[in-house]
N, C-alpha and C. Protein backbone atom coordinates (compact mmCIF):
# COMPACT_ATOMS: atom_id res chain seq x y z
N UNK A 1 -0.58 -0.17 17.33
CA UNK A 1 -1.25 0.43 16.53
C UNK A 1 -1.41 1.88 16.39
N UNK A 2 -0.85 2.40 15.47
CA UNK A 2 -1.05 4.20 15.57
C UNK A 2 -2.33 4.78 15.15
N UNK A 3 -3.47 4.60 15.19
CA UNK A 3 -4.65 5.25 14.90
C UNK A 3 -4.51 5.08 13.48
N UNK A 4 -4.58 6.55 12.93
CA UNK A 4 -4.92 6.21 11.25
C UNK A 4 -3.72 5.67 10.80
N UNK A 5 -2.47 5.63 11.02
CA UNK A 5 -1.63 5.02 10.21
C UNK A 5 -1.84 3.28 10.23
N UNK A 6 -3.12 2.87 10.86
CA UNK A 6 -3.19 1.49 10.82
C UNK A 6 -4.31 1.10 9.73
N UNK A 7 -4.64 2.32 9.29
CA UNK A 7 -5.63 2.44 8.02
C UNK A 7 -5.35 1.05 7.03
N UNK A 8 -4.15 0.71 6.40
CA UNK A 8 -3.62 -0.22 5.60
C UNK A 8 -3.79 -1.52 6.16
N UNK A 9 -3.59 -1.63 7.21
CA UNK A 9 -3.66 -2.87 7.98
C UNK A 9 -5.08 -3.44 8.10
N UNK A 10 -6.03 -2.54 8.36
CA UNK A 10 -7.58 -2.90 8.31
C UNK A 10 -7.82 -3.31 7.22
N UNK A 11 -7.26 -2.60 6.03
CA UNK A 11 -7.54 -2.97 4.51
C UNK A 11 -7.12 -4.63 4.50
N UNK A 12 -5.83 -4.59 4.88
CA UNK A 12 -5.52 -6.20 4.48
C UNK A 12 -6.19 -7.08 5.15
N UNK A 13 -6.59 -6.87 6.41
CA UNK A 13 -7.38 -7.94 7.23
C UNK A 13 -8.80 -8.23 6.32
N UNK A 14 -9.43 -7.18 5.77
CA UNK A 14 -10.57 -6.81 5.16
C UNK A 14 -10.28 -8.16 3.62
N UNK A 15 -8.98 -7.58 3.37
CA UNK A 15 -8.80 -8.74 2.22
C UNK A 15 -8.50 -9.81 2.48
N UNK A 16 -7.97 -10.10 3.63
CA UNK A 16 -7.99 -11.49 3.57
C UNK A 16 -8.83 -12.48 3.78
N UNK A 17 -9.70 -11.60 4.46
CA UNK A 17 -11.62 -12.58 4.70
C UNK A 17 -11.94 -12.72 3.51
N UNK A 18 -11.75 -11.64 2.64
CA UNK A 18 -12.57 -12.08 1.37
C UNK A 18 -11.98 -13.01 0.42
N UNK A 19 -10.64 -12.94 0.59
CA UNK A 19 -9.57 -13.53 -0.54
C UNK A 19 -8.64 -14.46 0.35
N UNK A 20 -8.87 -15.47 0.77
CA UNK A 20 -8.06 -16.11 1.72
C UNK A 20 -6.78 -16.87 1.10
N UNK A 21 -6.76 -17.11 -0.01
CA UNK A 21 -5.77 -17.32 -1.16
C UNK A 21 -4.59 -16.30 -1.35
N UNK A 22 -4.81 -15.02 -1.27
CA UNK A 22 -3.94 -14.14 -1.95
C UNK A 22 -2.66 -13.96 -0.33
N UNK A 23 -1.51 -13.73 -0.99
CA UNK A 23 -0.59 -13.31 0.32
C UNK A 23 -0.80 -12.02 0.83
N UNK A 24 -1.35 -11.48 1.86
CA UNK A 24 -1.25 -10.20 2.19
C UNK A 24 -0.24 -10.56 3.70
N UNK A 25 0.77 -9.44 3.60
CA UNK A 25 1.83 -9.59 4.43
C UNK A 25 1.61 -8.09 4.90
N UNK A 26 2.06 -8.17 6.36
CA UNK A 26 2.07 -6.67 6.68
C UNK A 26 3.64 -6.54 6.87
N UNK A 27 3.84 -5.20 6.35
CA UNK A 27 5.29 -4.48 6.15
C UNK A 27 5.89 -3.61 7.28
N UNK A 28 4.86 -3.85 8.38
CA UNK A 28 5.33 -3.18 9.56
C UNK A 28 5.74 -1.77 9.33
N UNK A 29 6.67 -1.27 9.75
CA UNK A 29 7.34 0.47 9.52
C UNK A 29 7.62 0.35 8.01
N UNK A 30 7.86 -0.64 7.31
CA UNK A 30 8.19 -0.74 6.01
C UNK A 30 10.01 -0.69 6.29
N UNK A 31 10.71 0.50 5.38
CA UNK A 31 11.91 0.70 5.47
C UNK A 31 12.50 -0.35 3.78
N UNK A 32 13.69 -0.89 4.51
CA UNK A 32 14.38 -1.57 3.24
C UNK A 32 13.96 -2.99 3.43
N UNK A 33 13.39 -3.25 4.91
CA UNK A 33 12.79 -4.73 4.98
C UNK A 33 11.77 -4.86 3.64
N UNK A 34 11.11 -4.25 3.25
CA UNK A 34 9.98 -4.42 2.10
C UNK A 34 10.68 -5.27 1.20
N UNK A 35 11.73 -5.01 0.48
CA UNK A 35 12.35 -5.35 -0.44
C UNK A 35 12.43 -6.91 -0.43
N UNK A 36 12.99 -7.71 0.50
CA UNK A 36 12.58 -9.04 0.18
C UNK A 36 11.52 -9.78 0.45
N UNK A 37 10.51 -9.12 1.10
CA UNK A 37 9.39 -9.65 1.14
C UNK A 37 8.48 -9.49 -0.47
N UNK A 38 9.17 -8.48 -1.16
CA UNK A 38 8.60 -8.23 -2.66
C UNK A 38 8.82 -9.43 -3.48
N UNK A 39 10.28 -10.02 -3.07
CA UNK A 39 10.91 -10.82 -3.96
C UNK A 39 10.17 -12.13 -4.16
N UNK A 40 10.19 -12.60 -5.34
CA UNK A 40 9.23 -13.91 -6.09
C UNK A 40 8.09 -13.31 -6.55
N UNK A 41 7.53 -12.18 -6.23
CA UNK A 41 6.35 -12.08 -7.17
C UNK A 41 6.18 -11.30 -8.31
N UNK A 42 5.67 -11.29 -9.18
CA UNK A 42 5.27 -10.72 -10.55
C UNK A 42 4.82 -9.44 -10.63
N UNK A 43 3.77 -9.31 -9.36
CA UNK A 43 3.13 -8.15 -9.17
C UNK A 43 2.80 -7.89 -7.46
N UNK A 44 3.01 -6.79 -7.13
CA UNK A 44 3.03 -6.44 -5.42
C UNK A 44 2.16 -4.97 -5.41
N UNK A 45 1.06 -5.25 -4.38
CA UNK A 45 0.61 -3.96 -4.21
C UNK A 45 0.82 -3.99 -2.73
N UNK A 46 0.98 -2.55 -2.44
CA UNK A 46 1.22 -1.80 -1.35
C UNK A 46 -0.04 -0.99 -0.72
N UNK A 47 -0.17 -1.08 0.36
CA UNK A 47 -1.05 -0.38 0.98
C UNK A 47 -0.21 0.45 1.84
N UNK A 48 -0.85 2.03 1.82
CA UNK A 48 -0.16 2.73 2.79
C UNK A 48 -0.82 3.83 3.26
N UNK A 49 -0.44 4.14 4.45
CA UNK A 49 -1.17 5.74 5.34
C UNK A 49 -0.33 6.66 4.79
N UNK A 50 -0.85 7.42 4.34
CA UNK A 50 0.33 8.73 3.96
C UNK A 50 -0.57 10.00 3.75
N UNK A 51 0.19 10.77 4.01
CA UNK A 51 0.23 12.39 4.41
C UNK A 51 0.79 13.23 3.19
N UNK A 52 -0.18 14.23 2.95
CA UNK A 52 0.01 15.20 1.79
C UNK A 52 -0.35 14.45 -0.08
N UNK A 53 -0.71 13.30 -0.01
CA UNK A 53 -1.04 13.08 -1.22
C UNK A 53 -2.46 13.43 -1.58
N UNK A 54 -3.39 13.99 -0.75
CA UNK A 54 -4.78 14.03 -1.29
C UNK A 54 -5.34 15.72 -0.91
N UNK A 55 -6.27 15.71 -1.34
CA UNK A 55 -6.82 17.13 -0.77
C UNK A 55 -7.90 17.24 0.67
N UNK A 56 -8.16 15.71 0.78
CA UNK A 56 -8.75 15.91 1.83
C UNK A 56 -8.51 14.18 2.55
N UNK A 57 -8.84 14.38 3.94
CA UNK A 57 -8.65 12.82 4.76
C UNK A 57 -9.62 12.00 4.21
N UNK A 58 -8.95 10.68 4.08
CA UNK A 58 -9.59 9.59 3.18
C UNK A 58 -9.17 9.23 2.04
N UNK A 59 -8.85 10.44 1.30
CA UNK A 59 -8.63 10.44 -0.42
C UNK A 59 -8.11 9.14 -1.05
N UNK A 60 -8.26 8.27 -1.46
CA UNK A 60 -7.23 7.10 -1.83
C UNK A 60 -6.47 7.58 -3.38
N UNK A 61 -5.38 7.13 -3.35
CA UNK A 61 -4.93 7.51 -4.82
C UNK A 61 -4.30 6.30 -5.04
N UNK A 62 -4.03 5.92 -6.44
CA UNK A 62 -3.36 4.59 -6.97
C UNK A 62 -1.76 5.40 -7.52
N UNK A 63 -0.68 4.93 -7.38
CA UNK A 63 0.58 5.16 -7.71
C UNK A 63 1.05 3.89 -8.37
N UNK A 64 1.40 3.90 -9.77
CA UNK A 64 2.03 3.15 -10.42
C UNK A 64 3.47 3.52 -10.93
N UNK A 65 3.96 4.58 -10.22
CA UNK A 65 5.47 4.70 -10.42
C UNK A 65 5.86 4.88 -8.65
N UNK A 66 7.12 5.23 -8.13
CA UNK A 66 6.95 5.10 -6.64
C UNK A 66 6.13 6.87 -6.22
N UNK A 67 5.67 6.66 -5.27
CA UNK A 67 4.94 7.72 -4.51
C UNK A 67 5.65 8.95 -4.25
N UNK A 68 5.36 9.99 -4.28
CA UNK A 68 5.91 11.15 -4.02
C UNK A 68 6.48 11.01 -2.74
N UNK A 69 7.76 11.57 -2.51
CA UNK A 69 8.40 11.64 -1.58
C UNK A 69 8.45 13.11 -0.97
N UNK A 70 8.37 13.59 0.10
CA UNK A 70 8.33 14.81 0.84
C UNK A 70 9.65 15.37 1.53
N UNK A 71 10.67 14.48 1.29
CA UNK A 71 12.15 14.59 2.06
C UNK A 71 12.96 15.30 0.85
N UNK A 72 13.85 15.73 1.52
CA UNK A 72 15.22 16.63 0.08
C UNK A 72 16.15 15.24 0.12
N UNK A 73 16.39 14.59 0.96
CA UNK A 73 17.26 13.68 0.74
C UNK A 73 17.25 12.20 0.97
N UNK A 74 18.04 11.41 0.57
CA UNK A 74 17.56 10.18 0.69
C UNK A 74 18.32 9.34 2.10
N UNK A 75 17.93 8.83 2.93
CA UNK A 75 18.84 8.33 3.95
C UNK A 75 18.31 7.01 4.17
N UNK A 76 18.91 6.15 4.57
CA UNK A 76 18.73 4.59 4.52
C UNK A 76 18.30 4.60 6.01
N UNK A 77 17.90 5.26 6.85
CA UNK A 77 17.90 5.17 7.99
C UNK A 77 16.23 4.90 8.29
N UNK A 78 15.55 5.54 7.66
CA UNK A 78 14.13 5.41 7.66
C UNK A 78 13.50 5.58 6.58
N UNK A 79 14.02 4.77 5.19
CA UNK A 79 13.05 5.23 3.92
C UNK A 79 11.68 5.14 3.85
N UNK A 80 11.04 5.86 2.77
CA UNK A 80 9.73 5.79 2.88
C UNK A 80 9.79 4.73 1.54
N UNK A 81 8.51 4.51 1.39
CA UNK A 81 7.77 3.66 0.51
C UNK A 81 8.63 4.09 -1.44
N UNK A 82 8.53 5.33 -1.20
CA UNK A 82 9.07 5.95 -2.81
C UNK A 82 10.28 5.21 -2.95
N UNK A 83 11.16 5.81 -1.54
CA UNK A 83 12.77 5.66 -1.67
C UNK A 83 13.00 3.89 -1.91
N UNK A 84 12.05 3.62 -1.17
CA UNK A 84 12.19 1.95 -0.89
C UNK A 84 12.29 1.19 -2.46
N UNK A 85 10.76 1.26 -3.06
CA UNK A 85 10.88 1.22 -4.50
C UNK A 85 11.79 1.89 -5.76
N UNK A 86 12.45 2.86 -5.51
CA UNK A 86 13.53 3.57 -6.13
C UNK A 86 14.66 2.45 -6.11
N UNK A 87 15.10 2.08 -4.97
CA UNK A 87 16.35 1.21 -4.39
C UNK A 87 16.14 -0.05 -4.73
N UNK A 88 14.84 -0.47 -5.25
CA UNK A 88 14.29 -1.84 -5.27
C UNK A 88 14.84 -1.81 -7.16
N UNK A 89 14.11 -0.99 -7.60
CA UNK A 89 14.45 -1.18 -9.38
C UNK A 89 16.22 -0.62 -9.25
N UNK A 90 16.65 -0.05 -8.45
CA UNK A 90 18.27 0.26 -8.90
C UNK A 90 19.20 -1.16 -8.63
N UNK A 91 18.48 -1.86 -7.87
CA UNK A 91 19.31 -3.23 -7.54
C UNK A 91 18.94 -4.09 -8.36
N UNK A 92 17.79 -3.81 -9.53
CA UNK A 92 17.24 -4.57 -10.28
C UNK A 92 16.16 -5.76 -10.27
N UNK A 93 15.47 -5.31 -9.52
CA UNK A 93 13.95 -6.02 -9.10
C UNK A 93 12.87 -5.30 -10.08
N UNK A 94 12.26 -6.59 -10.53
CA UNK A 94 11.48 -5.57 -11.84
C UNK A 94 9.78 -6.23 -11.58
N UNK A 95 9.95 -6.52 -10.13
CA UNK A 95 8.62 -6.69 -9.79
C UNK A 95 7.63 -5.52 -10.21
N UNK A 96 6.33 -5.80 -10.53
CA UNK A 96 5.23 -4.38 -10.63
C UNK A 96 4.86 -4.26 -9.35
N UNK A 97 4.75 -3.11 -9.31
CA UNK A 97 4.54 -2.47 -7.58
C UNK A 97 3.29 -1.49 -7.84
N UNK A 98 2.44 -1.54 -7.57
CA UNK A 98 1.16 -0.50 -7.50
C UNK A 98 1.22 -0.27 -5.77
N UNK A 99 1.07 0.92 -6.13
CA UNK A 99 0.80 1.45 -4.27
C UNK A 99 -0.46 2.48 -3.99
N UNK A 100 -1.14 1.88 -3.23
CA UNK A 100 -2.23 2.38 -2.80
C UNK A 100 -2.41 3.13 -1.58
N UNK A 101 -2.28 4.52 -1.58
CA UNK A 101 -2.19 5.61 -0.65
C UNK A 101 -3.37 6.16 -0.31
N UNK A 102 -3.79 5.97 1.16
CA UNK A 102 -5.16 6.94 2.01
C UNK A 102 -4.26 7.89 2.51
N UNK A 103 -5.11 8.91 2.00
CA UNK A 103 -4.52 10.46 2.74
C UNK A 103 -5.02 10.24 4.14
N UNK A 104 -4.27 10.27 5.43
CA UNK A 104 -4.50 10.40 6.45
C UNK A 104 -4.51 11.58 7.71
N UNK A 105 -3.71 12.53 7.00
CA UNK A 105 -4.14 14.09 7.53
C UNK A 105 -2.94 13.98 8.55
N UNK A 106 -3.07 13.09 9.48
CA UNK A 106 -1.63 12.98 10.44
C UNK A 106 -1.46 11.94 10.96
N UNK A 107 -0.57 11.21 11.32
CA UNK A 107 -0.21 10.04 12.20
C UNK A 107 0.26 10.33 13.51
N UNK A 108 0.50 9.42 14.36
CA UNK A 108 0.64 9.79 15.53
C UNK A 108 0.13 9.47 16.37
N UNK A 109 -1.15 9.57 16.63
CA UNK A 109 -2.09 9.51 18.11
C UNK A 109 -1.85 7.96 18.38
N UNK A 110 -1.45 7.71 19.39
CA UNK A 110 -1.64 5.90 20.03
C UNK A 110 -3.45 5.27 20.07
N UNK A 111 -3.75 4.52 19.54
CA UNK A 111 -5.52 4.03 19.60
C UNK A 111 -5.33 3.30 18.29
N UNK A 112 -6.11 2.21 18.94
CA UNK A 112 -6.94 0.96 18.19
C UNK A 112 -7.67 1.20 17.01
N UNK A 113 -8.28 2.81 17.26
CA UNK A 113 -9.21 3.07 15.96
C UNK A 113 -8.78 3.88 15.43
N UNK A 114 -9.49 4.39 14.02
CA UNK A 114 -8.95 5.00 12.84
C UNK A 114 -10.09 6.18 12.94
N UNK A 115 -9.93 7.53 12.20
CA UNK A 115 -11.11 8.78 12.32
C UNK A 115 -11.98 7.99 11.39
N UNK A 116 -13.27 8.57 12.03
CA UNK A 116 -14.41 7.90 11.54
C UNK A 116 -14.39 8.47 9.65
N UNK A 117 -13.67 9.66 9.13
CA UNK A 117 -13.61 9.76 7.63
C UNK A 117 -13.04 8.78 7.21
N UNK A 118 -12.27 8.01 7.82
CA UNK A 118 -11.26 7.14 7.31
C UNK A 118 -12.39 5.76 7.15
N UNK A 119 -13.05 5.57 7.85
CA UNK A 119 -13.99 4.41 7.43
C UNK A 119 -14.32 4.06 6.13
N UNK A 120 -14.80 4.81 5.22
CA UNK A 120 -15.38 5.12 4.14
C UNK A 120 -14.19 4.52 3.24
N UNK A 121 -12.82 5.32 3.29
CA UNK A 121 -12.07 4.88 2.60
C UNK A 121 -11.28 3.55 2.65
N UNK A 122 -11.44 2.84 4.06
CA UNK A 122 -10.78 1.61 4.17
C UNK A 122 -11.90 1.00 3.09
N UNK A 123 -13.04 0.92 2.41
CA UNK A 123 -13.52 0.20 1.37
C UNK A 123 -13.30 0.85 0.24
N UNK A 124 -12.95 1.83 -0.18
CA UNK A 124 -12.53 2.58 -1.16
C UNK A 124 -11.24 2.03 -1.66
N UNK A 125 -10.39 1.99 -0.65
CA UNK A 125 -8.82 1.05 -0.99
C UNK A 125 -9.15 -0.34 -1.45
N UNK A 126 -9.95 -0.58 -0.47
CA UNK A 126 -10.30 -2.25 -1.13
C UNK A 126 -10.58 -2.72 -1.95
N UNK A 127 -11.38 -1.79 -2.63
CA UNK A 127 -12.13 -1.98 -4.13
C UNK A 127 -10.93 -1.41 -5.00
N UNK A 128 -9.98 -0.64 -4.66
CA UNK A 128 -8.80 -0.12 -5.57
C UNK A 128 -7.79 -1.37 -5.77
N UNK A 129 -7.87 -2.30 -4.70
CA UNK A 129 -7.00 -3.49 -4.33
C UNK A 129 -7.48 -4.41 -5.02
N UNK A 130 -8.79 -4.45 -5.42
CA UNK A 130 -9.70 -5.66 -5.96
C UNK A 130 -9.48 -5.52 -7.31
N UNK A 131 -9.64 -4.08 -8.18
CA UNK A 131 -9.29 -3.49 -9.34
C UNK A 131 -8.11 -4.41 -9.92
N UNK A 132 -7.04 -4.17 -9.05
CA UNK A 132 -5.80 -4.75 -9.04
C UNK A 132 -5.55 -6.12 -9.36
N UNK A 133 -6.31 -6.92 -8.46
CA UNK A 133 -6.42 -8.47 -8.64
C UNK A 133 -7.19 -8.68 -9.54
N UNK A 134 -8.18 -8.24 -10.23
CA UNK A 134 -8.78 -8.75 -11.42
C UNK A 134 -8.14 -8.12 -12.80
N UNK A 135 -7.25 -7.04 -12.61
CA UNK A 135 -6.64 -6.77 -13.81
C UNK A 135 -5.46 -7.58 -13.93
N UNK A 136 -4.80 -7.89 -12.93
CA UNK A 136 -3.65 -9.04 -13.09
C UNK A 136 -4.38 -10.58 -13.63
N UNK A 137 -5.34 -11.05 -12.97
CA UNK A 137 -6.00 -12.13 -13.24
C UNK A 137 -6.35 -12.42 -14.80
N UNK A 138 -6.92 -11.41 -15.09
CA UNK A 138 -7.78 -11.01 -16.26
C UNK A 138 -6.31 -10.93 -17.44
N UNK A 139 -5.03 -10.45 -17.20
CA UNK A 139 -4.60 -10.69 -18.24
C UNK A 139 -3.49 -11.81 -18.17
N UNK A 140 -3.65 -12.84 -16.82
CA UNK A 140 -3.32 -14.18 -17.13
C UNK A 140 -4.20 -15.41 -17.49
N UNK A 141 -5.21 -14.97 -17.22
CA UNK A 141 -6.21 -16.12 -17.78
C UNK A 141 -7.54 -15.11 -18.19
N UNK A 142 -7.73 -14.50 -19.30
CA UNK A 142 -8.97 -14.14 -19.70
C UNK A 142 -10.33 -14.59 -18.94
N UNK A 143 -10.49 -15.66 -19.41
CA UNK A 143 -11.33 -16.79 -18.96
C UNK A 143 -11.79 -16.66 -17.71
N UNK A 144 -10.91 -16.59 -16.70
CA UNK A 144 -11.04 -16.82 -15.55
C UNK A 144 -10.91 -15.52 -14.55
N UNK A 145 -11.84 -15.10 -14.14
CA UNK A 145 -11.81 -13.90 -12.96
C UNK A 145 -12.20 -14.11 -11.63
N UNK A 146 -11.13 -13.25 -10.72
CA UNK A 146 -11.58 -13.44 -9.50
C UNK A 146 -13.13 -13.30 -9.08
């Protein structure tokens, strides 16, 4: 695991413990391999450690459209979440995708731990995912909430 880059995995583990019936899949490094993982779902919530989306480390943001990219060209060698979602839409995938990004400041330090300022963000991101789950359940069956 790559230190702060593992913050999404930490949130996913907490989600699985709290809601064992939810499909939580680790997308690994992402790229085009995310597209087949999203097939067959009406709604997908992606958790991602991101750089440059917030003013401070630990800021959590929700994107209903593909998150911003900081590259000047699209490459199929290492596309980010934003590029993957754009490609998925281009090929006709109609899955609703919500991306919850956690500003990590920098990635790349090999560690099993995340920075202390991200620990609070884990809980903030979990609440964002729960909100998306409840919104989905309320629209499908207003009498039954998680």
